[in-house]
């Protein structure tokens, strides 16, 4: 039960972080295309901060 709650909390915090990062990047004129959906929430929930970095790393790679 504790692991499930941990994944849920990381997913919620990751979603909030994605929202603010996307907003900041949009104001700077960059659009990496990291949307907030079930796959990205699960990725940030299961992997945590490294998962969030991986999502934005993939976005930067696609930008190149």
N, C-alpha and C. Protein backbone atom coordinates (compact mmCIF):
# COMPACT_ATOMS: atom_id res chain seq x y z
N UNK A 1 0.82 -1.19 0.00
CA UNK A 1 0.00 0.00 0.00
C UNK A 1 0.87 1.26 0.00
N UNK A 2 1.99 1.18 0.74
CA UNK A 2 2.88 2.34 0.81
C UNK A 2 3.53 2.63 -0.54
N UNK A 3 3.89 1.58 -1.27
CA UNK A 3 4.49 1.77 -2.60
C UNK A 3 3.50 2.43 -3.56
N UNK A 4 2.25 2.00 -3.51
CA UNK A 4 1.22 2.56 -4.37
C UNK A 4 1.01 4.05 -4.06
N UNK A 5 0.99 4.39 -2.78
CA UNK A 5 0.84 5.79 -2.38
C UNK A 5 2.05 6.61 -2.82
N UNK A 6 3.24 6.02 -2.75
CA UNK A 6 4.46 6.69 -3.19
C UNK A 6 4.40 6.97 -4.69
N UNK A 7 3.98 5.99 -5.48
CA UNK A 7 3.86 6.18 -6.94
C UNK A 7 2.82 7.24 -7.25
N UNK A 8 1.71 7.23 -6.52
CA UNK A 8 0.65 8.22 -6.73
C UNK A 8 1.16 9.62 -6.43
N UNK A 9 1.87 9.80 -5.33
CA UNK A 9 2.39 11.12 -4.98
C UNK A 9 3.43 11.61 -5.98
N UNK A 10 4.31 10.71 -6.42
CA UNK A 10 5.30 11.10 -7.43
C UNK A 10 4.62 11.45 -8.75
N UNK A 11 3.55 10.75 -9.08
CA UNK A 11 2.80 11.06 -10.30
C UNK A 11 2.16 12.43 -10.23
N UNK A 12 1.58 12.75 -9.07
CA UNK A 12 0.95 14.06 -8.90
C UNK A 12 1.98 15.17 -8.94
N UNK A 13 3.08 15.00 -8.22
CA UNK A 13 4.14 16.02 -8.22
C UNK A 13 4.80 16.15 -9.59
N UNK A 14 4.96 15.03 -10.29
CA UNK A 14 5.51 15.07 -11.65
C UNK A 14 4.60 15.80 -12.61
N UNK A 15 3.29 15.63 -12.46
CA UNK A 15 2.33 16.33 -13.30
C UNK A 15 2.38 17.83 -13.05
N UNK A 16 2.47 18.21 -11.79
CA UNK A 16 2.58 19.64 -11.46
C UNK A 16 3.87 20.21 -12.02
N UNK A 17 4.97 19.46 -11.89
CA UNK A 17 6.25 19.92 -12.43
C UNK A 17 6.19 20.04 -13.95
N UNK A 18 5.57 19.07 -14.63
CA UNK A 18 5.44 19.15 -16.09
C UNK A 18 4.66 20.39 -16.50
N UNK A 19 3.60 20.68 -15.77
CA UNK A 19 2.78 21.85 -16.10
C UNK A 19 3.62 23.13 -16.02
N UNK A 20 4.36 23.30 -14.91
CA UNK A 20 5.16 24.51 -14.75
C UNK A 20 6.33 24.57 -15.71
N UNK A 21 6.96 23.44 -15.98
CA UNK A 21 8.07 23.42 -16.95
C UNK A 21 7.55 23.75 -18.35
N UNK A 22 6.42 23.16 -18.74
CA UNK A 22 5.84 23.45 -20.06
C UNK A 22 5.45 24.91 -20.17
N UNK A 23 4.88 25.48 -19.11
CA UNK A 23 4.49 26.89 -19.13
C UNK A 23 5.71 27.79 -19.26
N UNK A 24 6.76 27.49 -18.51
CA UNK A 24 7.98 28.29 -18.57
C UNK A 24 8.63 28.19 -19.95
N UNK A 25 8.72 26.99 -20.49
CA UNK A 25 9.33 26.82 -21.81
C UNK A 25 8.50 27.49 -22.90
N UNK A 26 7.18 27.46 -22.75
CA UNK A 26 6.30 28.11 -23.73
C UNK A 26 6.51 29.63 -23.71
N UNK A 27 6.68 30.20 -22.52
CA UNK A 27 6.94 31.63 -22.41
C UNK A 27 8.28 32.01 -23.02
N UNK A 28 9.23 31.07 -23.00
CA UNK A 28 10.55 31.30 -23.59
C UNK A 28 10.54 31.06 -25.09
N UNK A 29 9.44 30.55 -25.62
CA UNK A 29 9.34 30.31 -27.05
C UNK A 29 9.73 28.91 -27.47
N UNK A 30 9.91 27.99 -26.53
CA UNK A 30 10.26 26.61 -26.84
C UNK A 30 9.05 25.71 -26.60
N UNK A 31 8.86 24.77 -27.49
CA UNK A 31 7.80 23.80 -27.30
C UNK A 31 8.38 22.41 -27.50
N UNK A 32 8.56 21.67 -26.40
CA UNK A 32 9.16 20.35 -26.49
C UNK A 32 8.11 19.27 -26.73
N UNK A 33 6.86 19.59 -26.58
CA UNK A 33 5.82 18.62 -26.87
C UNK A 33 5.64 17.54 -25.83
N UNK A 34 6.04 17.80 -24.57
CA UNK A 34 5.82 16.83 -23.51
C UNK A 34 4.42 17.09 -22.96
N UNK A 35 3.48 16.30 -23.40
CA UNK A 35 2.11 16.48 -22.96
C UNK A 35 1.85 15.79 -21.64
N UNK A 36 0.77 16.20 -21.02
CA UNK A 36 0.37 15.57 -19.76
C UNK A 36 -0.72 14.55 -20.09
N UNK A 37 -0.35 13.28 -20.06
CA UNK A 37 -1.29 12.21 -20.33
C UNK A 37 -0.94 11.01 -19.43
N UNK A 38 -1.66 9.93 -19.60
CA UNK A 38 -1.48 8.78 -18.71
C UNK A 38 -0.06 8.21 -18.78
N UNK A 39 0.53 8.18 -19.96
CA UNK A 39 1.87 7.60 -20.10
C UNK A 39 2.92 8.47 -19.40
N UNK A 40 2.84 9.78 -19.58
CA UNK A 40 3.83 10.65 -18.94
C UNK A 40 3.64 10.70 -17.43
N UNK A 41 2.39 10.65 -16.96
CA UNK A 41 2.14 10.64 -15.51
C UNK A 41 2.67 9.34 -14.90
N UNK A 42 2.44 8.21 -15.57
CA UNK A 42 2.96 6.93 -15.08
C UNK A 42 4.49 6.90 -15.11
N UNK A 43 5.07 7.48 -16.15
CA UNK A 43 6.53 7.51 -16.24
C UNK A 43 7.12 8.31 -15.08
N UNK A 44 6.57 9.48 -14.83
CA UNK A 44 7.08 10.28 -13.71
C UNK A 44 6.72 9.66 -12.37
N UNK A 45 5.60 8.95 -12.30
CA UNK A 45 5.20 8.31 -11.05
C UNK A 45 6.07 7.12 -10.70
N UNK A 46 6.39 6.31 -11.68
CA UNK A 46 7.18 5.10 -11.42
C UNK A 46 8.67 5.42 -11.32
N UNK A 47 9.18 6.27 -12.22
CA UNK A 47 10.61 6.56 -12.24
C UNK A 47 11.00 7.78 -11.43
N UNK A 48 10.05 8.64 -11.11
CA UNK A 48 10.35 9.83 -10.32
C UNK A 48 11.04 10.91 -11.15
N UNK A 49 11.96 11.63 -10.51
CA UNK A 49 12.65 12.73 -11.17
C UNK A 49 13.46 12.28 -12.40
N UNK A 50 14.16 11.14 -12.35
CA UNK A 50 14.85 10.68 -13.56
C UNK A 50 13.89 10.43 -14.73
N UNK A 51 12.68 9.98 -14.44
CA UNK A 51 11.69 9.78 -15.49
C UNK A 51 11.26 11.10 -16.11
N UNK A 52 11.13 12.12 -15.27
CA UNK A 52 10.79 13.45 -15.76
C UNK A 52 11.90 13.99 -16.65
N UNK A 53 13.13 13.80 -16.22
CA UNK A 53 14.27 14.22 -17.04
C UNK A 53 14.32 13.45 -18.36
N UNK A 54 13.99 12.16 -18.32
CA UNK A 54 13.98 11.35 -19.54
C UNK A 54 12.93 11.86 -20.52
N UNK A 55 11.77 12.24 -20.03
CA UNK A 55 10.72 12.76 -20.90
C UNK A 55 11.18 14.04 -21.61
N UNK A 56 11.79 14.93 -20.86
CA UNK A 56 12.27 16.17 -21.47
C UNK A 56 13.52 15.92 -22.32
N UNK A 57 14.32 14.94 -21.97
CA UNK A 57 15.46 14.56 -22.81
C UNK A 57 15.00 14.06 -24.18
N UNK A 58 13.94 13.27 -24.18
CA UNK A 58 13.37 12.78 -25.45
C UNK A 58 12.83 13.97 -26.25
N UNK A 59 12.20 14.91 -25.56
CA UNK A 59 11.69 16.11 -26.24
C UNK A 59 12.80 16.93 -26.87
N UNK A 60 13.92 17.08 -26.16
CA UNK A 60 15.06 17.83 -26.70
C UNK A 60 15.65 17.06 -27.88
N UNK A 61 15.74 15.74 -27.77
CA UNK A 61 16.27 14.93 -28.86
C UNK A 61 15.41 15.08 -30.12
N UNK A 62 14.11 15.10 -29.94
CA UNK A 62 13.21 15.29 -31.10
C UNK A 62 13.34 16.67 -31.70
N UNK A 63 13.71 17.67 -30.88
CA UNK A 63 13.86 19.03 -31.34
C UNK A 63 15.08 19.18 -32.26
N UNK A 64 16.10 18.34 -32.03
CA UNK A 64 17.34 18.44 -32.82
C UNK A 64 17.16 17.97 -34.20
